[in-house]
Amino acid sequence: MKHSCAVPAALSSPDLKHTHKASRLGEEITELAAHICAATSLLLEKIREFDELKGWSHHGVLSCAHWLQWQCGMNIGAARQRVRVAHALANLPEISASFKEGRISYSKVRAMTRVATAKNEEYLLGIARHGTAAHVEKVVSNYRRSKRLEALEEENNRHSHRELSWHVDGDGMWVFKGKFTAEQGALIAKALEGAMDELYAEQGDEPSEVSAEIPRGVDPIEAKPHPIASRRADALERVVESYLAGRKVGHSGGDRYLVNIHTDAETLTANGQGAESECEDCGHVSAETSRRMACDASVVQWDEARSGEALNIGRKSRTIPPSLRRALKRRDGGCRFPGCTCSKFVDAHHIQHWADGGETSMDNLVLLCRRHHRLVHEGGFAVQTRADGEIGFIYPDSRTLPAAPDGRFRGNVESIRTDNRKNGLNITPETLPPLWRGERMDQDLAQLGMQSLE
């Protein structure tokens, strides 16, 4: 009788080939990942230098992160993290060196830089080299939680000591004594400053010396209160009166908070050149500022004689109707300036100003945040509707502002390998993988180690 012996599947020739191929792919992946880590380290160095030089500022964008979103296709949150990590690494030489050599990943570096200092840098790096990114995240998370608990305990202690007391002295004067938390004190100070500003506007007798502190060596009882200190007492009275009256300080109608600009048709049609416009109660503004504010504001037509006497005041009209604003919001979503992510506090800008004959229509309007609206009017930038109907922006030197990053192919994997080898980096498949072999990490011990380095 013949007997047949089956070859185990694990030893069959096709599966051996697959195993060898998978092993080679694994080595290529880990080696390539290490090369990418080294390249990312170089990228962050350049981002830090670029940000320190404010190389993004002349493009009209708000920050380096916004420039990265615009030119490098990064999510704004990821871009902000890159900028944060880039600056943090400047003060962490050991972590930076390992990152540059491709020995630790960006994920580990991102986590460590949240808590790393000169004292605990080496300890954290040891965890990163021996553990996974999950281990590092856990240690950092636990450490931050312990620090938050300490800060919370301190804050609760401060909160429990808040107080306000008063008594009437022998002269019949009320003496108030208080101790407040940081946010309470800031809020009270802001309220008093606002009331003091109103008192100054009404009385116009602000003293040149603004310090309200009593000089050393002077008896507080004998010293005459400083005018600023007296003004604070008056301001507190005004705040209290306003509260008891059930109204805001100084509030006497919605127009109280309106800024009124007095200009003329010639100024608005002069393309931002010419005489200044009068800003009621606060001096003058430039003609171009008048044009910007008139883009999306309430307008009152006012005819007057040469002597300044009013002849006719037209009814107030909203330049951008609510329905049109809703349509603009739906179409633009937010500021259309390249690289900007602002979706609130946006203005409707007339591409061709209405004073120059531009229509208040969707085709002639674009949403801009306050910063970029100012750049378009006073900063030398321009906006136009291109031949294809799309909206485009122009630098002050007449160059076209790109709406998106250059789509041309800029590099490949082999170039990263080549550059790293030229820089003396000996990266192999064993460079990046951690030394962890499955053993359990003692998180309590890890936290004790972190706390011992404070």
Protein backbone atom coordinates (compact mmCIF):
# COMPACT_ATOMS: atom_id res chain seq x y z
CA MET A 1 0.00 0.00 0.00
CA LYS A 2 1.31 3.37 -0.97
CA HIS A 3 1.20 6.12 1.58
CA SER A 4 1.11 9.80 0.65
CA CYS A 5 2.49 12.47 2.93
CA ALA A 6 0.92 15.92 2.69
CA VAL A 7 3.28 18.91 2.83
CA PRO A 8 2.23 21.35 5.55
CA ALA A 9 0.70 24.48 4.08
CA ALA A 10 3.17 26.66 5.94
CA LEU A 11 6.04 24.97 4.08
CA SER A 12 4.57 25.00 0.61
CA SER A 13 6.60 26.81 -2.03
CA PRO A 14 4.01 29.49 -3.00
CA ASP A 15 3.47 30.46 0.64
CA LEU A 16 7.21 30.65 1.28
CA LYS A 17 7.50 33.10 -1.61
CA HIS A 18 4.67 35.17 -0.17
CA THR A 19 6.34 35.12 3.25
CA HIS A 20 9.69 36.28 1.82
CA LYS A 21 7.96 38.98 -0.23
CA ALA A 22 5.98 40.18 2.77
CA SER A 23 9.17 40.24 4.85
CA ARG A 24 10.96 42.35 2.22
CA LEU A 25 7.98 44.69 2.00
CA GLY A 26 7.98 45.05 5.78
CA GLU A 27 11.65 46.01 5.77
CA GLU A 28 11.11 48.48 2.95
CA ILE A 29 8.18 50.04 4.79
CA THR A 30 10.06 50.49 8.06
CA GLU A 31 13.12 51.85 6.27
CA LEU A 32 11.07 54.24 4.17
CA ALA A 33 9.11 55.36 7.26
CA ALA A 34 12.41 56.18 8.98
CA HIS A 35 13.54 58.18 5.93
CA ILE A 36 10.25 60.09 6.03
CA CYS A 37 10.75 60.81 9.74
CA ALA A 38 14.19 62.23 9.01
CA ALA A 39 12.77 64.29 6.17
CA THR A 40 9.95 65.50 8.44
CA SER A 41 12.54 66.67 10.94
CA LEU A 42 14.16 68.75 8.22
CA LEU A 43 10.75 70.04 7.16
CA LEU A 44 10.00 71.23 10.70
CA GLU A 45 13.36 72.98 10.92
CA LYS A 46 12.53 74.91 7.77
CA ILE A 47 9.01 75.67 9.01
CA ARG A 48 10.43 77.11 12.24
CA GLU A 49 12.92 79.29 10.34
CA PHE A 50 10.22 80.37 7.86
CA ASP A 51 7.92 81.33 10.72
CA GLU A 52 10.65 83.22 12.59
CA LEU A 53 11.34 85.21 9.42
CA LYS A 54 7.56 85.72 8.98
CA GLY A 55 7.97 84.59 5.38
CA TRP A 56 4.20 84.10 5.20
CA SER A 57 3.27 87.69 6.13
CA HIS A 58 3.64 89.34 2.72
CA HIS A 59 1.18 86.85 1.21
CA GLY A 60 -1.63 88.36 3.24
CA VAL A 61 -2.29 85.17 5.22
CA LEU A 62 -2.95 85.25 8.94
CA SER A 63 -0.20 82.91 10.18
CA CYS A 64 2.36 80.31 9.20
CA ALA A 65 -0.25 77.59 9.76
CA HIS A 66 -2.61 79.26 7.30
CA TRP A 67 0.22 79.46 4.76
CA LEU A 68 0.91 75.72 5.20
CA GLN A 69 -2.76 74.97 4.69
CA TRP A 70 -2.79 77.08 1.54
CA GLN A 71 0.53 76.10 -0.03
CA CYS A 72 1.16 72.60 1.36
CA GLY A 73 -2.36 71.19 1.42
CA MET A 74 -2.37 70.60 5.18
CA ASN A 75 -5.44 70.61 7.35
CA ILE A 76 -5.35 73.80 9.46
CA GLY A 77 -5.28 71.80 12.70
CA ALA A 78 -2.39 69.65 11.48
CA ALA A 79 -0.60 72.77 10.25
CA ARG A 80 -0.88 74.44 13.65
CA GLN A 81 0.55 71.28 15.25
CA ARG A 82 3.50 71.30 12.85
CA VAL A 83 4.29 74.91 13.73
CA ARG A 84 3.98 74.20 17.46
CA VAL A 85 6.22 71.12 17.30
CA ALA A 86 8.73 72.95 15.10
CA HIS A 87 9.23 75.68 17.70
CA ALA A 88 9.25 73.24 20.62
CA LEU A 89 12.04 71.16 19.06
CA ALA A 90 14.34 74.18 19.06
CA ASN A 91 14.74 73.73 22.83
CA LEU A 92 14.89 69.91 22.84
CA PRO A 93 18.24 68.92 21.31
CA GLU A 94 18.15 65.21 22.21
CA ILE A 95 14.67 64.60 20.83
CA SER A 96 15.56 66.65 17.76
CA ALA A 97 18.70 64.59 17.12
CA SER A 98 16.85 61.25 17.34
CA PHE A 99 14.08 62.59 15.12
CA LYS A 100 16.60 63.80 12.55
CA GLU A 101 18.22 60.36 12.52
CA GLY A 102 14.85 58.71 11.83
CA ARG A 103 14.84 56.85 15.17
CA ILE A 104 11.53 58.21 16.45
CA SER A 105 8.34 59.01 14.58
CA TYR A 106 6.55 62.33 14.25
CA SER A 107 3.65 60.93 16.29
CA LYS A 108 5.97 60.32 19.23
CA VAL A 109 7.64 63.71 18.82
CA ARG A 110 4.28 65.47 18.66
CA ALA A 111 3.22 63.84 21.92
CA MET A 112 6.51 64.42 23.75
CA THR A 113 6.71 68.11 22.86
CA ARG A 114 3.48 68.72 24.77
CA VAL A 115 5.28 68.17 28.09
CA ALA A 116 9.00 67.85 27.31
CA THR A 117 11.48 70.09 29.12
CA ALA A 118 15.25 70.13 29.45
CA LYS A 119 14.86 68.06 32.64
CA ASN A 120 12.61 65.27 31.38
CA GLU A 121 13.65 65.17 27.73
CA GLU A 122 16.04 62.23 28.13
CA TYR A 123 13.50 60.24 30.17
CA LEU A 124 10.76 60.76 27.58
CA LEU A 125 13.14 59.84 24.79
CA GLY A 126 13.91 56.55 26.54
CA ILE A 127 10.19 55.74 26.64
CA ALA A 128 9.87 56.67 22.97
CA ARG A 129 12.78 54.43 21.91
CA HIS A 130 11.58 51.44 23.93
CA GLY A 131 7.82 51.84 23.49
CA THR A 132 5.25 52.50 20.84
CA ALA A 133 3.50 55.77 20.04
CA ALA A 134 0.58 54.53 22.15
CA HIS A 135 2.90 54.12 25.14
CA VAL A 136 4.23 57.64 24.72
CA GLU A 137 0.74 59.11 24.31
CA LYS A 138 -0.40 57.32 27.47
CA VAL A 139 2.53 58.57 29.55
CA VAL A 140 2.07 62.13 28.30
CA SER A 141 -1.69 61.99 28.81
CA ASN A 142 -1.36 60.71 32.38
CA TYR A 143 1.28 63.31 33.19
CA ARG A 144 -0.82 66.15 31.78
CA ARG A 145 -3.82 64.88 33.70
CA SER A 146 -1.84 64.87 36.94
CA LYS A 147 -0.64 68.42 36.26
CA ARG A 148 -4.20 69.51 35.44
CA LEU A 149 -5.38 68.00 38.74
CA GLU A 150 -2.68 69.90 40.59
CA ALA A 151 -3.64 73.12 38.81
CA LEU A 152 -7.31 72.43 39.51
CA GLU A 153 -6.59 71.93 43.20
CA GLU A 154 -4.67 75.21 43.29
CA GLU A 155 -7.48 76.98 41.44
CA ASN A 156 -10.11 75.59 43.81
CA ASN A 157 -7.99 76.78 46.71
CA ARG A 158 -7.79 80.28 45.22
CA HIS A 159 -11.50 80.23 44.47
CA SER A 160 -12.34 79.34 48.06
CA HIS A 161 -10.45 82.45 49.26
CA ARG A 162 -12.42 84.99 47.24
CA GLU A 163 -14.11 87.58 49.42
CA LEU A 164 -15.60 91.06 49.57
CA SER A 165 -16.23 92.92 52.80
CA TRP A 166 -16.92 96.48 53.84
CA HIS A 167 -17.31 98.73 56.85
CA VAL A 168 -18.07 102.37 57.58
CA ASP A 169 -15.17 104.29 59.12
CA GLY A 170 -15.32 107.12 61.66
CA ASP A 171 -15.81 109.76 58.97
CA GLY A 172 -18.83 107.97 57.56
CA MET A 173 -16.87 106.78 54.52
CA TRP A 174 -17.48 103.30 53.22
CA VAL A 175 -14.37 101.12 53.00
CA PHE A 176 -14.50 98.08 50.71
CA LYS A 177 -11.94 95.29 50.83
CA GLY A 178 -11.91 92.46 48.31
CA LYS A 179 -9.97 89.51 47.04
CA PHE A 180 -10.98 88.00 43.70
CA THR A 181 -10.01 85.20 41.36
CA ALA A 182 -8.09 86.10 38.23
CA GLU A 183 -11.14 86.07 35.96
CA GLN A 184 -13.27 87.97 38.48
CA GLY A 185 -10.60 90.62 38.91
CA ALA A 186 -10.12 91.00 35.16
CA LEU A 187 -13.88 91.33 34.63
CA ILE A 188 -14.25 93.95 37.35
CA ALA A 189 -11.24 95.88 36.02
CA LYS A 190 -12.68 95.88 32.49
CA ALA A 191 -16.02 97.19 33.74
CA LEU A 192 -14.32 99.96 35.70
CA GLU A 193 -12.09 100.89 32.76
CA GLY A 194 -15.14 101.17 30.50
CA ALA A 195 -16.96 103.41 32.98
CA MET A 196 -13.80 105.50 33.49
CA ASP A 197 -13.50 106.02 29.73
CA GLU A 198 -17.03 107.42 29.69
CA LEU A 199 -16.24 109.70 32.62
CA TYR A 200 -13.15 110.97 30.83
CA ALA A 201 -15.12 111.61 27.65
CA GLU A 202 -17.65 113.61 29.64
CA GLN A 203 -15.23 115.53 31.87
CA GLY A 204 -12.00 115.58 29.87
CA ASP A 205 -9.76 116.06 32.92
CA GLU A 206 -7.62 112.92 32.88
CA PRO A 207 -4.45 113.53 34.94
CA SER A 208 -1.10 113.04 33.24
CA GLU A 209 0.14 110.67 35.96
CA VAL A 210 -1.93 107.48 35.76
CA SER A 211 -0.53 105.57 38.73
CA ALA A 212 -3.08 105.35 41.52
CA GLU A 213 -0.69 103.86 44.06
CA ILE A 214 0.14 105.74 47.25
CA PRO A 215 3.92 106.41 47.42
CA ARG A 216 5.91 104.54 50.03
CA GLY A 217 6.36 106.33 53.31
CA VAL A 218 3.09 108.23 53.02
CA ASP A 219 0.37 107.53 55.57
CA PRO A 220 -2.66 106.18 53.64
CA ILE A 221 -4.96 107.93 56.09
CA GLU A 222 -3.29 111.32 55.62
CA ALA A 223 -2.60 110.96 51.89
CA LYS A 224 -5.06 112.57 49.54
CA PRO A 225 -6.42 109.97 47.08
CA HIS A 226 -4.91 110.09 43.63
CA PRO A 227 -7.29 111.43 40.95
CA ILE A 228 -7.25 108.06 39.20
CA ALA A 229 -8.25 106.30 42.42
CA SER A 230 -11.07 108.80 42.87
CA ARG A 231 -12.15 108.19 39.27
CA ARG A 232 -12.32 104.46 39.98
CA ALA A 233 -14.70 105.15 42.85
CA ASP A 234 -16.92 107.21 40.54
CA ALA A 235 -16.71 104.47 37.89
CA LEU A 236 -17.80 101.81 40.38
CA GLU A 237 -20.79 103.94 41.32
CA ARG A 238 -21.75 104.23 37.64
CA VAL A 239 -21.47 100.48 37.11
CA VAL A 240 -23.67 99.82 40.14
CA GLU A 241 -26.26 102.41 39.08
CA SER A 242 -26.42 100.84 35.64
CA TYR A 243 -26.98 97.40 37.14
CA LEU A 244 -29.73 98.64 39.45
CA ALA A 245 -31.36 100.44 36.53
CA GLY A 246 -31.33 97.19 34.57
CA ARG A 247 -29.27 98.52 31.69
CA LYS A 248 -25.73 98.42 30.39
CA VAL A 249 -23.24 101.13 31.25
CA GLY A 250 -23.77 104.16 29.06
CA HIS A 251 -26.41 102.43 26.96
CA SER A 252 -28.96 104.80 25.48
CA GLY A 253 -30.10 103.06 22.33
CA GLY A 254 -28.62 100.94 19.54
CA ASP A 255 -27.07 103.93 17.78
CA ARG A 256 -24.87 104.48 20.84
CA TYR A 257 -22.56 101.78 19.43
CA LEU A 258 -22.59 102.94 15.82
CA VAL A 259 -19.48 104.48 14.28
CA ASN A 260 -20.50 107.33 12.01
CA ILE A 261 -18.32 108.27 9.05
CA HIS A 262 -19.08 111.53 7.23
CA THR A 263 -17.85 111.47 3.66
CA ASP A 264 -18.91 112.64 0.21
CA ALA A 265 -19.45 111.16 -3.22
CA GLU A 266 -16.22 112.60 -4.57
CA THR A 267 -14.17 110.83 -1.90
CA LEU A 268 -15.88 107.48 -2.51
CA THR A 269 -15.43 107.70 -6.29
CA ALA A 270 -11.80 108.82 -6.16
CA ASN A 271 -10.51 105.24 -5.92
CA GLY A 272 -9.26 105.77 -2.41
CA GLN A 273 -7.34 108.96 -3.20
CA GLY A 274 -8.02 112.45 -1.97
CA ALA A 275 -9.39 114.06 1.14
CA GLU A 276 -9.97 112.26 4.38
CA SER A 277 -13.42 111.53 5.77
CA GLU A 278 -14.55 112.65 9.19
CA CYS A 279 -15.08 109.97 11.80
CA GLU A 280 -17.58 111.33 14.28
CA ASP A 281 -16.05 111.96 17.73
CA CYS A 282 -12.73 110.33 16.83
CA GLY A 283 -10.94 112.37 14.16
CA HIS A 284 -10.50 111.40 10.53
CA VAL A 285 -10.03 108.27 8.45
CA SER A 286 -8.50 107.84 5.01
CA ALA A 287 -10.58 107.91 1.86
CA GLU A 288 -9.84 104.24 1.22
CA THR A 289 -11.01 103.34 4.71
CA SER A 290 -14.26 105.12 3.90
CA ARG A 291 -14.65 102.96 0.79
CA ARG A 292 -14.03 99.78 2.80
CA MET A 293 -16.57 100.68 5.46
CA ALA A 294 -19.10 101.64 2.80
CA CYS A 295 -18.83 98.19 1.22
CA ASP A 296 -21.26 96.70 3.72
CA ALA A 297 -22.82 99.31 5.96
CA SER A 298 -25.90 101.39 6.55
CA VAL A 299 -25.83 104.52 4.37
CA VAL A 300 -27.68 107.79 4.88
CA GLN A 301 -27.78 110.23 1.99
CA TRP A 302 -27.35 113.75 3.32
CA ASP A 303 -27.56 116.91 1.18
CA GLU A 304 -26.19 120.10 2.68
CA ALA A 305 -25.51 123.66 1.64
CA ARG A 306 -22.03 125.14 1.28
CA SER A 307 -22.31 126.44 4.81
CA GLY A 308 -22.89 122.90 6.08
CA GLU A 309 -26.57 123.38 6.78
CA ALA A 310 -28.56 120.18 6.18
CA LEU A 311 -30.90 120.44 3.22
CA ASN A 312 -32.15 116.87 2.96
CA ILE A 313 -31.51 113.61 4.80
CA GLY A 314 -32.47 110.47 2.93
CA ARG A 315 -33.68 107.35 4.65
CA LYS A 316 -31.13 104.87 5.97
CA SER A 317 -30.71 101.82 3.65
CA ARG A 318 -28.87 98.54 4.08
CA THR A 319 -26.28 98.12 1.34
CA ILE A 320 -26.33 94.30 1.48
CA PRO A 321 -29.89 92.96 1.99
CA PRO A 322 -30.20 90.00 4.40
CA SER A 323 -31.37 87.67 1.64
CA LEU A 324 -28.33 88.48 -0.48
CA ARG A 325 -26.04 88.03 2.52
CA ARG A 326 -27.50 84.58 3.14
CA ALA A 327 -26.89 83.66 -0.49
CA LEU A 328 -23.30 84.93 -0.23
CA LYS A 329 -22.76 82.89 2.92
CA ARG A 330 -24.08 79.79 1.19
CA ARG A 331 -21.88 80.36 -1.87
CA ASP A 332 -18.61 81.46 -0.22
CA GLY A 333 -18.88 79.79 3.17
CA GLY A 334 -16.47 82.35 4.63
CA CYS A 335 -13.56 84.54 3.63
CA ARG A 336 -12.50 83.79 0.04
CA PHE A 337 -8.94 85.08 0.42
CA PRO A 338 -6.50 82.21 -0.35
CA GLY A 339 -5.39 80.40 2.79
CA CYS A 340 -8.01 81.99 5.08
CA THR A 341 -10.35 79.80 7.13
CA CYS A 342 -12.40 82.56 8.79
CA SER A 343 -16.14 81.89 8.51
CA LYS A 344 -17.44 84.39 11.06
CA PHE A 345 -17.22 88.18 11.24
CA VAL A 346 -16.97 88.50 7.47
CA ASP A 347 -17.87 91.50 5.31
CA ALA A 348 -19.45 91.56 1.88
CA HIS A 349 -16.96 93.31 -0.39
CA HIS A 350 -17.91 94.98 -3.69
CA ILE A 351 -15.39 93.84 -6.29
CA GLN A 352 -16.26 96.98 -8.26
CA HIS A 353 -17.13 99.51 -5.60
CA TRP A 354 -20.75 100.68 -5.66
CA ALA A 355 -19.49 104.28 -5.70
CA ASP A 356 -17.82 103.44 -9.03
CA GLY A 357 -21.01 102.01 -10.48
CA GLY A 358 -20.64 98.46 -9.21
CA GLU A 359 -23.85 96.56 -8.61
CA THR A 360 -24.90 95.03 -5.33
CA SER A 361 -25.25 91.59 -6.87
CA MET A 362 -23.81 88.12 -6.35
CA ASP A 363 -21.49 88.50 -9.34
CA ASN A 364 -19.96 91.65 -7.87
CA LEU A 365 -19.72 90.55 -4.23
CA VAL A 366 -17.33 88.36 -2.28
CA LEU A 367 -17.04 87.60 1.43
CA LEU A 368 -13.83 88.72 3.16
CA CYS A 369 -12.86 88.60 6.82
CA ARG A 370 -12.08 91.91 8.50
CA ARG A 371 -8.33 91.43 8.12
CA HIS A 372 -8.42 90.67 4.42
CA HIS A 373 -11.08 93.27 3.73
CA ARG A 374 -8.64 95.80 5.13
CA LEU A 375 -5.78 94.36 3.06
CA VAL A 376 -7.82 94.67 -0.11
CA HIS A 377 -8.67 98.30 0.57
CA GLU A 378 -5.72 99.68 2.52
CA GLY A 379 -3.06 96.98 2.14
CA GLY A 380 -2.51 97.18 -1.61
CA PHE A 381 -4.07 93.81 -2.49
CA ALA A 382 -6.80 93.64 -5.11
CA VAL A 383 -9.65 91.33 -6.04
CA GLN A 384 -11.08 90.81 -9.49
CA THR A 385 -13.41 88.57 -11.45
CA ARG A 386 -11.41 86.62 -14.01
CA ALA A 387 -12.51 85.85 -17.56
CA ASP A 388 -13.68 82.39 -16.47
CA GLY A 389 -15.94 83.94 -13.84
CA GLU A 390 -13.80 82.85 -10.91
CA ILE A 391 -12.65 85.31 -8.26
CA GLY A 392 -8.92 86.02 -8.13
CA PHE A 393 -6.62 88.07 -5.90
CA ILE A 394 -3.59 90.16 -6.81
CA TYR A 395 -0.47 91.07 -4.79
CA PRO A 396 0.38 94.76 -4.29
CA ASP A 397 3.11 94.34 -6.95
CA SER A 398 0.48 93.15 -9.48
CA ARG A 399 1.43 89.46 -9.35
CA THR A 400 -1.43 87.00 -9.24
CA LEU A 401 -1.99 85.39 -5.87
CA PRO A 402 -2.18 81.59 -6.35
CA ALA A 403 -5.44 80.10 -5.14
CA ALA A 404 -3.92 76.68 -4.43
CA PRO A 405 -0.48 75.06 -4.11
CA ASP A 406 1.54 74.29 -7.21
CA GLY A 407 0.32 70.93 -8.47
CA ARG A 408 3.55 69.93 -10.17
CA PHE A 409 5.31 66.79 -8.91
CA ARG A 410 7.99 67.95 -6.51
CA GLY A 411 9.84 64.84 -5.36
CA ASN A 412 9.86 61.11 -4.86
CA VAL A 413 10.85 58.43 -2.42
CA GLU A 414 14.30 57.84 -3.91
CA SER A 415 15.20 61.52 -3.61
CA ILE A 416 14.44 61.35 0.13
CA ARG A 417 16.68 58.30 0.50
CA THR A 418 19.44 59.95 -1.52
CA ASP A 419 19.32 63.22 0.43
CA ASN A 420 19.38 61.43 3.78
CA ARG A 421 22.39 59.34 2.76
CA LYS A 422 24.17 62.49 1.56
CA ASN A 423 23.55 63.94 5.02
CA GLY A 424 25.30 60.95 6.58
CA LEU A 425 22.18 59.19 7.90
CA ASN A 426 22.62 55.42 7.99
CA ILE A 427 18.95 54.44 7.98
CA THR A 428 18.03 50.76 7.83
CA PRO A 429 14.82 48.76 8.38
CA GLU A 430 15.83 48.49 12.07
CA THR A 431 16.23 52.25 12.62
CA LEU A 432 12.64 53.23 13.45
CA PRO A 433 10.95 50.21 15.12
CA PRO A 434 10.92 50.48 18.93
CA LEU A 435 12.75 48.10 21.25
CA TRP A 436 9.44 47.02 22.79
CA ARG A 437 8.81 43.27 22.67
CA GLY A 438 5.33 43.09 24.14
CA GLU A 439 6.08 43.57 27.82
CA ARG A 440 3.60 45.54 29.92
CA MET A 441 4.48 49.14 30.75
CA ASP A 442 4.11 50.17 34.39
CA GLN A 443 2.28 53.49 34.01
CA ASP A 444 2.52 54.32 37.71
CA LEU A 445 6.27 53.91 37.62
CA ALA A 446 6.45 56.01 34.47
CA GLN A 447 4.53 58.82 36.20
CA LEU A 448 6.78 58.68 39.24
CA GLY A 449 9.75 59.00 36.90
CA MET A 450 8.23 62.06 35.22
CA GLN A 451 7.34 63.74 38.50
CA SER A 452 10.81 63.10 39.95
CA LEU A 453 12.29 65.24 37.17
CA GLU A 454 10.21 68.34 37.91
